[in-house]
């Protein structure tokens, strides 16, 4: 009977810098530069994987690299496409107000990125227009908009 290799706990990468493995979430965590700021990055090792092999851990990094390389070009389009859904979600939660699309889109400040095998989630704040709320925009592997969530941040 062969033993299962242990997970890699730290990895240094030329794109992501130092990555730290979090077993409870089966993901890598890092801080990466994005458009002049530093954001949190979570790279998940496969959908539903609870104990990925070291090869699966490293494969997740390679897959995420493709997303991160094109993200500066795709992110503004995803953000613009999501604006109507953002306004609908805010209003559906009983928040009244005038939310011009341009003000929503331009005011979104990216604070973290989650990358999965099926796509990514971009987590934003918009302190000027939506104080106290977090906006998550989901994108597919084909750069499509998959959905939007808007929720109260409660100190996030």
N, C-alpha and C. Protein backbone atom coordinates (compact mmCIF):
# COMPACT_ATOMS: atom_id res chain seq x y z
N UNK A 1 0.85 -1.18 0.00
CA UNK A 1 0.00 0.00 0.00
C UNK A 1 0.90 1.24 0.00
N UNK A 2 0.67 2.11 -0.95
CA UNK A 2 1.50 3.32 -1.02
C UNK A 2 0.88 4.44 -0.21
N UNK A 3 1.73 5.28 0.32
CA UNK A 3 1.25 6.42 1.10
C UNK A 3 0.89 7.57 0.19
N UNK A 4 -0.11 8.33 0.57
CA UNK A 4 -0.48 9.52 -0.17
C UNK A 4 0.51 10.63 0.16
N UNK A 5 1.07 11.29 -0.88
CA UNK A 5 2.02 12.37 -0.58
C UNK A 5 1.33 13.50 0.16
N UNK A 6 2.09 14.16 1.00
CA UNK A 6 1.54 15.28 1.77
C UNK A 6 1.37 16.50 0.88
N UNK A 7 0.44 17.35 1.27
CA UNK A 7 0.21 18.60 0.54
C UNK A 7 1.43 19.50 0.61
N UNK A 8 1.61 20.29 -0.43
CA UNK A 8 2.61 21.34 -0.43
C UNK A 8 2.02 22.49 0.38
N UNK A 9 2.74 23.00 1.35
CA UNK A 9 2.18 24.04 2.22
C UNK A 9 2.54 25.45 1.79
N UNK A 10 3.66 25.61 1.09
CA UNK A 10 4.09 26.91 0.58
C UNK A 10 4.68 26.70 -0.81
N UNK A 11 4.48 27.71 -1.65
CA UNK A 11 5.02 27.65 -3.00
C UNK A 11 5.34 29.07 -3.44
N UNK A 12 6.49 29.26 -4.04
CA UNK A 12 6.86 30.57 -4.58
C UNK A 12 6.74 30.49 -6.09
N UNK A 13 6.04 31.47 -6.66
CA UNK A 13 5.72 31.46 -8.08
C UNK A 13 6.06 32.82 -8.68
N UNK A 14 6.53 32.83 -9.93
CA UNK A 14 6.92 34.11 -10.54
C UNK A 14 5.74 35.05 -10.77
N UNK A 15 4.54 34.52 -10.95
CA UNK A 15 3.36 35.36 -11.16
C UNK A 15 2.70 35.75 -9.85
N UNK A 16 2.51 34.78 -8.96
CA UNK A 16 1.74 34.99 -7.74
C UNK A 16 2.58 35.34 -6.52
N UNK A 17 3.89 35.19 -6.63
CA UNK A 17 4.74 35.40 -5.46
C UNK A 17 4.61 34.24 -4.51
N UNK A 18 4.56 34.52 -3.20
CA UNK A 18 4.46 33.45 -2.21
C UNK A 18 3.01 33.06 -2.01
N UNK A 19 2.75 31.78 -2.19
CA UNK A 19 1.42 31.22 -1.97
C UNK A 19 1.45 30.35 -0.73
N UNK A 20 0.39 30.43 0.05
CA UNK A 20 0.29 29.60 1.25
C UNK A 20 -0.94 28.71 1.11
N UNK A 21 -0.79 27.41 1.37
CA UNK A 21 -1.87 26.45 1.24
C UNK A 21 -2.72 26.42 2.50
N UNK A 22 -4.04 26.45 2.31
CA UNK A 22 -5.00 26.36 3.42
C UNK A 22 -5.82 25.09 3.23
N UNK A 23 -5.49 24.08 4.03
CA UNK A 23 -6.12 22.77 3.88
C UNK A 23 -7.63 22.81 4.09
N UNK A 24 -8.09 23.60 5.06
CA UNK A 24 -9.52 23.61 5.36
C UNK A 24 -10.36 24.09 4.18
N UNK A 25 -9.81 24.92 3.32
CA UNK A 25 -10.53 25.41 2.14
C UNK A 25 -10.03 24.80 0.84
N UNK A 26 -8.99 23.98 0.91
CA UNK A 26 -8.34 23.40 -0.28
C UNK A 26 -8.00 24.48 -1.30
N UNK A 27 -7.33 25.53 -0.80
CA UNK A 27 -6.96 26.61 -1.71
C UNK A 27 -5.62 27.24 -1.33
N UNK A 28 -5.03 27.85 -2.33
CA UNK A 28 -3.84 28.68 -2.15
C UNK A 28 -4.29 30.08 -1.83
N UNK A 29 -3.56 30.77 -0.97
CA UNK A 29 -3.83 32.18 -0.69
C UNK A 29 -2.57 32.99 -0.96
N UNK A 30 -2.77 34.16 -1.54
CA UNK A 30 -1.64 35.05 -1.84
C UNK A 30 -2.15 36.48 -1.88
N UNK A 31 -1.23 37.41 -2.00
CA UNK A 31 -1.53 38.83 -2.24
C UNK A 31 -0.84 39.15 -3.55
N UNK A 32 -1.58 39.69 -4.51
CA UNK A 32 -1.01 39.95 -5.83
C UNK A 32 -1.28 41.39 -6.26
N UNK A 33 -0.37 41.95 -7.06
CA UNK A 33 -0.63 43.28 -7.60
C UNK A 33 -1.68 43.19 -8.71
N UNK A 34 -2.58 44.15 -8.72
CA UNK A 34 -3.59 44.21 -9.78
C UNK A 34 -3.95 45.67 -9.99
N UNK A 35 -3.63 46.18 -11.16
CA UNK A 35 -3.96 47.56 -11.54
C UNK A 35 -3.54 48.58 -10.47
N UNK A 36 -2.30 48.49 -10.03
CA UNK A 36 -1.76 49.48 -9.11
C UNK A 36 -2.10 49.29 -7.65
N UNK A 37 -2.76 48.20 -7.30
CA UNK A 37 -3.06 47.93 -5.90
C UNK A 37 -2.74 46.47 -5.61
N UNK A 38 -2.78 46.10 -4.36
CA UNK A 38 -2.57 44.71 -3.97
C UNK A 38 -3.89 44.14 -3.49
N UNK A 39 -4.26 42.97 -4.04
CA UNK A 39 -5.52 42.33 -3.68
C UNK A 39 -5.25 40.91 -3.18
N UNK A 40 -6.18 40.39 -2.40
CA UNK A 40 -6.11 39.01 -1.93
C UNK A 40 -6.50 38.08 -3.07
N UNK A 41 -5.86 36.94 -3.14
CA UNK A 41 -6.14 35.95 -4.17
C UNK A 41 -6.29 34.58 -3.52
N UNK A 42 -7.39 33.89 -3.84
CA UNK A 42 -7.60 32.51 -3.44
C UNK A 42 -7.67 31.67 -4.71
N UNK A 43 -6.87 30.62 -4.78
CA UNK A 43 -6.86 29.72 -5.93
C UNK A 43 -7.28 28.34 -5.42
N UNK A 44 -8.47 27.90 -5.83
CA UNK A 44 -9.01 26.63 -5.35
C UNK A 44 -8.55 25.48 -6.24
N UNK A 45 -8.22 24.36 -5.61
CA UNK A 45 -7.68 23.19 -6.32
C UNK A 45 -8.80 22.25 -6.73
N UNK A 46 -9.63 22.68 -7.63
CA UNK A 46 -10.69 21.82 -8.15
C UNK A 46 -11.98 21.92 -7.38
N UNK A 47 -13.07 21.76 -8.12
CA UNK A 47 -14.40 21.83 -7.50
C UNK A 47 -14.60 20.61 -6.59
N UNK A 48 -14.91 20.87 -5.36
CA UNK A 48 -15.24 19.80 -4.42
C UNK A 48 -14.06 18.97 -3.94
N UNK A 49 -12.85 19.35 -4.30
CA UNK A 49 -11.67 18.59 -3.85
C UNK A 49 -11.39 18.93 -2.39
N UNK A 50 -11.34 17.91 -1.55
CA UNK A 50 -11.04 18.16 -0.14
C UNK A 50 -9.61 17.79 0.22
N UNK A 51 -8.98 16.95 -0.58
CA UNK A 51 -7.60 16.57 -0.29
C UNK A 51 -6.86 16.35 -1.61
N UNK A 52 -6.57 17.44 -2.33
CA UNK A 52 -5.91 17.29 -3.62
C UNK A 52 -4.46 16.82 -3.47
N UNK A 53 -3.99 16.14 -4.48
CA UNK A 53 -2.59 15.70 -4.49
C UNK A 53 -1.70 16.91 -4.75
N UNK A 54 -0.40 16.78 -4.49
CA UNK A 54 0.51 17.88 -4.81
C UNK A 54 0.45 18.28 -6.30
N UNK A 55 0.28 17.30 -7.18
CA UNK A 55 0.15 17.62 -8.61
C UNK A 55 -1.11 18.45 -8.88
N UNK A 56 -2.21 18.11 -8.21
CA UNK A 56 -3.45 18.88 -8.38
C UNK A 56 -3.31 20.28 -7.79
N UNK A 57 -2.57 20.39 -6.69
CA UNK A 57 -2.31 21.72 -6.11
C UNK A 57 -1.58 22.60 -7.11
N UNK A 58 -0.52 22.07 -7.72
CA UNK A 58 0.27 22.86 -8.67
C UNK A 58 -0.50 23.12 -9.96
N UNK A 59 -1.34 22.17 -10.38
CA UNK A 59 -2.15 22.37 -11.58
C UNK A 59 -3.12 23.54 -11.40
N UNK A 60 -3.63 23.71 -10.19
CA UNK A 60 -4.54 24.83 -9.92
C UNK A 60 -3.83 26.17 -10.13
N UNK A 61 -2.56 26.24 -9.73
CA UNK A 61 -1.79 27.47 -9.92
C UNK A 61 -1.62 27.75 -11.41
N UNK A 62 -1.30 26.73 -12.18
CA UNK A 62 -1.11 26.92 -13.63
C UNK A 62 -2.40 27.39 -14.30
N UNK A 63 -3.53 26.79 -13.93
CA UNK A 63 -4.81 27.20 -14.50
C UNK A 63 -5.13 28.65 -14.12
N UNK A 64 -4.85 29.02 -12.88
CA UNK A 64 -5.14 30.37 -12.41
C UNK A 64 -4.27 31.41 -13.11
N UNK A 65 -3.06 31.03 -13.47
CA UNK A 65 -2.15 31.95 -14.15
C UNK A 65 -2.78 32.46 -15.46
N UNK A 66 -3.46 31.57 -16.18
CA UNK A 66 -4.11 31.97 -17.44
C UNK A 66 -5.17 33.04 -17.18
N UNK A 67 -5.95 32.85 -16.12
CA UNK A 67 -6.98 33.85 -15.77
C UNK A 67 -6.34 35.17 -15.39
N UNK A 68 -5.34 35.11 -14.52
CA UNK A 68 -4.75 36.34 -14.02
C UNK A 68 -4.08 37.14 -15.13
N UNK A 69 -3.47 36.45 -16.08
CA UNK A 69 -2.82 37.15 -17.19
C UNK A 69 -3.80 37.97 -18.02
N UNK A 70 -5.00 37.45 -18.23
CA UNK A 70 -5.97 38.17 -19.07
C UNK A 70 -6.95 39.03 -18.25
N UNK A 71 -6.93 38.88 -16.94
CA UNK A 71 -7.90 39.59 -16.10
C UNK A 71 -7.88 41.11 -16.23
N UNK A 72 -6.71 41.76 -16.34
CA UNK A 72 -6.75 43.23 -16.50
C UNK A 72 -7.52 43.69 -17.74
N UNK A 73 -7.60 42.84 -18.75
CA UNK A 73 -8.33 43.19 -19.98
C UNK A 73 -9.81 42.82 -19.89
N UNK A 74 -10.13 41.77 -19.14
CA UNK A 74 -11.49 41.26 -19.04
C UNK A 74 -12.29 41.94 -17.93
N UNK A 75 -11.62 42.29 -16.84
CA UNK A 75 -12.30 42.81 -15.65
C UNK A 75 -13.17 44.04 -15.91
N UNK A 76 -12.71 45.05 -16.66
CA UNK A 76 -13.59 46.20 -16.89
C UNK A 76 -14.88 45.84 -17.64
N UNK A 77 -14.79 44.91 -18.56
CA UNK A 77 -15.97 44.47 -19.31
C UNK A 77 -16.94 43.73 -18.40
N UNK A 78 -16.43 42.83 -17.57
CA UNK A 78 -17.30 42.12 -16.63
C UNK A 78 -17.98 43.10 -15.69
N UNK A 79 -17.22 44.06 -15.21
CA UNK A 79 -17.76 45.07 -14.28
C UNK A 79 -18.88 45.86 -14.94
N UNK A 80 -18.66 46.30 -16.17
CA UNK A 80 -19.69 47.07 -16.89
C UNK A 80 -20.94 46.23 -17.16
N UNK A 81 -20.74 44.97 -17.57
CA UNK A 81 -21.88 44.09 -17.86
C UNK A 81 -22.70 43.81 -16.61
N UNK A 82 -22.07 43.82 -15.46
CA UNK A 82 -22.74 43.46 -14.21
C UNK A 82 -23.56 44.60 -13.61
N UNK A 83 -23.38 45.82 -14.07
CA UNK A 83 -23.99 46.98 -13.41
C UNK A 83 -25.50 46.89 -13.25
N UNK A 84 -26.22 46.49 -14.30
CA UNK A 84 -27.68 46.40 -14.19
C UNK A 84 -28.08 45.38 -13.12
N UNK A 85 -27.39 44.24 -13.11
CA UNK A 85 -27.70 43.22 -12.11
C UNK A 85 -27.38 43.71 -10.70
N UNK A 86 -26.32 44.49 -10.57
CA UNK A 86 -25.97 45.03 -9.25
C UNK A 86 -27.10 45.92 -8.74
N UNK A 87 -27.57 46.83 -9.59
CA UNK A 87 -28.66 47.74 -9.19
C UNK A 87 -29.91 46.94 -8.84
N UNK A 88 -30.25 45.93 -9.64
CA UNK A 88 -31.43 45.09 -9.36
C UNK A 88 -31.30 44.40 -8.01
N UNK A 89 -30.12 43.86 -7.72
CA UNK A 89 -29.90 43.15 -6.45
C UNK A 89 -30.00 44.10 -5.26
N UNK A 90 -29.45 45.30 -5.39
CA UNK A 90 -29.52 46.28 -4.31
C UNK A 90 -30.98 46.65 -4.05
N UNK A 91 -31.71 46.96 -5.11
CA UNK A 91 -33.12 47.34 -4.94
C UNK A 91 -33.97 46.20 -4.41
N UNK A 92 -33.65 44.96 -4.79
CA UNK A 92 -34.42 43.81 -4.31
C UNK A 92 -34.25 43.61 -2.80
N UNK A 93 -33.22 44.22 -2.23
CA UNK A 93 -32.99 44.13 -0.79
C UNK A 93 -33.55 45.35 -0.06
N UNK A 94 -34.38 46.12 -0.76
CA UNK A 94 -35.08 47.23 -0.13
C UNK A 94 -34.28 48.51 0.01
N UNK A 95 -33.20 48.64 -0.74
CA UNK A 95 -32.38 49.85 -0.67
C UNK A 95 -32.79 50.77 -1.80
N UNK A 96 -33.34 51.93 -1.44
CA UNK A 96 -33.76 52.90 -2.45
C UNK A 96 -32.61 53.81 -2.81
N UNK A 97 -32.74 54.44 -3.95
CA UNK A 97 -31.72 55.41 -4.35
C UNK A 97 -31.52 55.41 -5.85
N UNK A 98 -30.76 56.39 -6.29
CA UNK A 98 -30.43 56.52 -7.70
C UNK A 98 -29.03 55.94 -7.89
N UNK A 99 -28.91 54.96 -8.76
CA UNK A 99 -27.65 54.27 -8.98
C UNK A 99 -27.27 54.31 -10.45
N UNK A 100 -26.68 55.42 -10.91
CA UNK A 100 -26.26 55.48 -12.32
C UNK A 100 -25.21 54.41 -12.62
N UNK A 101 -25.37 53.75 -13.76
CA UNK A 101 -24.49 52.65 -14.17
C UNK A 101 -23.01 53.06 -14.11
N UNK A 102 -22.71 54.22 -14.64
CA UNK A 102 -21.31 54.66 -14.67
C UNK A 102 -20.76 54.86 -13.26
N UNK A 103 -21.58 55.40 -12.38
CA UNK A 103 -21.15 55.63 -10.99
C UNK A 103 -20.90 54.30 -10.28
N UNK A 104 -21.76 53.31 -10.54
CA UNK A 104 -21.57 51.98 -9.95
C UNK A 104 -20.28 51.36 -10.48
N UNK A 105 -20.14 51.31 -11.80
CA UNK A 105 -18.98 50.66 -12.42
C UNK A 105 -17.67 51.32 -12.04
N UNK A 106 -17.62 52.64 -12.13
CA UNK A 106 -16.37 53.35 -11.84
C UNK A 106 -16.02 53.34 -10.36
N UNK A 107 -17.02 53.18 -9.49
CA UNK A 107 -16.77 53.21 -8.05
C UNK A 107 -16.39 51.87 -7.44
N UNK A 108 -16.49 50.79 -8.22
CA UNK A 108 -16.16 49.48 -7.68
C UNK A 108 -14.65 49.37 -7.43
N UNK A 109 -14.29 48.97 -6.23
CA UNK A 109 -12.89 48.79 -5.84
C UNK A 109 -12.65 47.32 -5.54
N UNK A 110 -11.85 46.67 -6.36
CA UNK A 110 -11.56 45.25 -6.20
C UNK A 110 -10.75 45.03 -4.93
N UNK A 111 -11.19 44.09 -4.07
CA UNK A 111 -10.40 43.79 -2.87
C UNK A 111 -9.96 42.34 -2.82
N UNK A 112 -10.61 41.44 -3.58
CA UNK A 112 -10.12 40.06 -3.61
C UNK A 112 -10.64 39.33 -4.85
N UNK A 113 -9.89 38.28 -5.20
CA UNK A 113 -10.19 37.45 -6.36
C UNK A 113 -10.19 36.00 -5.90
N UNK A 114 -11.21 35.25 -6.30
CA UNK A 114 -11.26 33.81 -6.05
C UNK A 114 -11.27 33.13 -7.41
N UNK A 115 -10.35 32.18 -7.61
CA UNK A 115 -10.26 31.47 -8.88
C UNK A 115 -10.57 30.00 -8.65
N UNK A 116 -11.49 29.49 -9.47
CA UNK A 116 -11.94 28.10 -9.41
C UNK A 116 -11.74 27.48 -10.79
N UNK A 117 -11.88 26.18 -10.88
CA UNK A 117 -11.77 25.50 -12.16
C UNK A 117 -12.85 25.98 -13.13
N UNK A 118 -14.00 26.38 -12.61
CA UNK A 118 -15.11 26.79 -13.46
C UNK A 118 -15.13 28.29 -13.77
N UNK A 119 -14.25 29.06 -13.18
CA UNK A 119 -14.24 30.50 -13.43
C UNK A 119 -13.69 31.26 -12.24
N UNK A 120 -14.16 32.48 -12.10
CA UNK A 120 -13.63 33.32 -11.03
C UNK A 120 -14.72 34.14 -10.39
N UNK A 121 -14.39 34.65 -9.21
CA UNK A 121 -15.27 35.56 -8.49
C UNK A 121 -14.44 36.78 -8.11
N UNK A 122 -14.94 37.95 -8.47
CA UNK A 122 -14.28 39.22 -8.17
C UNK A 122 -15.08 39.90 -7.08
N UNK A 123 -14.44 40.19 -5.96
CA UNK A 123 -15.13 40.76 -4.80
C UNK A 123 -14.76 42.24 -4.68
N UNK A 124 -15.78 43.10 -4.69
CA UNK A 124 -15.59 44.54 -4.70
C UNK A 124 -16.29 45.21 -3.53
N UNK A 125 -15.86 46.44 -3.29
CA UNK A 125 -16.59 47.40 -2.45
C UNK A 125 -16.83 48.63 -3.31
N UNK A 126 -17.81 49.40 -2.95
CA UNK A 126 -18.08 50.68 -3.61
C UNK A 126 -18.47 51.66 -2.50
N UNK A 127 -17.47 52.19 -1.78
CA UNK A 127 -17.76 53.00 -0.60
C UNK A 127 -18.54 54.28 -0.90
N UNK A 128 -18.38 54.83 -2.08
CA UNK A 128 -19.07 56.09 -2.40
C UNK A 128 -20.55 55.87 -2.68
N UNK A 129 -20.88 54.83 -3.44
CA UNK A 129 -22.25 54.61 -3.87
C UNK A 129 -22.98 53.57 -3.04
N UNK A 130 -22.25 52.52 -2.61
CA UNK A 130 -22.86 51.42 -1.85
C UNK A 130 -22.08 51.16 -0.56
N UNK A 131 -22.00 52.15 0.33
CA UNK A 131 -21.22 51.94 1.57
C UNK A 131 -21.80 50.78 2.39
N UNK A 132 -20.90 49.94 2.90
CA UNK A 132 -21.33 48.82 3.72
C UNK A 132 -21.75 47.58 2.95
N UNK A 133 -21.61 47.59 1.64
CA UNK A 133 -22.01 46.47 0.81
C UNK A 133 -20.81 45.88 0.08
N UNK A 134 -20.85 44.58 -0.16
CA UNK A 134 -19.87 43.90 -1.00
C UNK A 134 -20.58 43.43 -2.26
N UNK A 135 -19.91 43.57 -3.38
CA UNK A 135 -20.42 43.14 -4.67
C UNK A 135 -19.49 42.04 -5.18
N UNK A 136 -20.06 40.90 -5.54
CA UNK A 136 -19.28 39.82 -6.13
C UNK A 136 -19.77 39.58 -7.55
N UNK A 137 -18.83 39.63 -8.49
CA UNK A 137 -19.12 39.39 -9.90
C UNK A 137 -18.48 38.07 -10.27
N UNK A 138 -19.29 37.16 -10.84
CA UNK A 138 -18.81 35.84 -11.23
C UNK A 138 -18.59 35.80 -12.73
N UNK A 139 -17.43 35.28 -13.13
CA UNK A 139 -17.11 35.14 -14.55
C UNK A 139 -16.76 33.71 -14.88
N UNK A 140 -17.11 33.29 -16.09
CA UNK A 140 -16.80 31.93 -16.54
C UNK A 140 -15.41 31.86 -17.15
N UNK A 141 -14.99 30.66 -17.49
CA UNK A 141 -13.68 30.47 -18.09
C UNK A 141 -13.60 31.09 -19.48
N UNK A 142 -14.75 31.37 -20.08
CA UNK A 142 -14.79 31.98 -21.42
C UNK A 142 -14.96 33.49 -21.34
N UNK A 143 -14.69 34.08 -20.20
CA UNK A 143 -14.79 35.52 -19.96
C UNK A 143 -16.23 36.03 -19.92
N UNK A 144 -17.19 35.13 -19.81
CA UNK A 144 -18.59 35.54 -19.74
C UNK A 144 -18.96 35.94 -18.32
N UNK A 145 -20.02 36.73 -18.21
CA UNK A 145 -20.58 37.10 -16.92
C UNK A 145 -21.51 35.98 -16.49
N UNK A 146 -21.26 35.37 -15.33
CA UNK A 146 -22.07 34.26 -14.85
C UNK A 146 -23.11 34.69 -13.82
N UNK A 147 -22.88 35.81 -13.16
CA UNK A 147 -23.83 36.25 -12.16
C UNK A 147 -23.24 37.30 -11.25
N UNK A 148 -24.10 37.79 -10.35
CA UNK A 148 -23.73 38.86 -9.42
C UNK A 148 -24.40 38.59 -8.08
N UNK A 149 -23.67 38.85 -7.00
CA UNK A 149 -24.23 38.85 -5.65
C UNK A 149 -23.92 40.21 -5.03
N UNK A 150 -24.86 40.71 -4.26
CA UNK A 150 -24.68 41.95 -3.51
C UNK A 150 -25.17 41.69 -2.10
N UNK A 151 -24.33 41.96 -1.11
CA UNK A 151 -24.71 41.67 0.27
C UNK A 151 -24.04 42.65 1.21
N UNK A 152 -24.67 42.83 2.37
CA UNK A 152 -24.09 43.72 3.38
C UNK A 152 -22.78 43.11 3.89
N UNK A 153 -21.78 43.96 4.06
CA UNK A 153 -20.44 43.48 4.40
C UNK A 153 -20.25 43.13 5.86
N UNK A 154 -20.90 43.82 6.77
CA UNK A 154 -20.74 43.59 8.21
C UNK A 154 -19.27 43.58 8.63
N UNK A 155 -18.57 44.65 8.30
CA UNK A 155 -17.19 44.80 8.76
C UNK A 155 -16.14 44.19 7.87
N UNK A 156 -16.50 43.66 6.73
CA UNK A 156 -15.50 43.07 5.83
C UNK A 156 -14.71 44.16 5.18
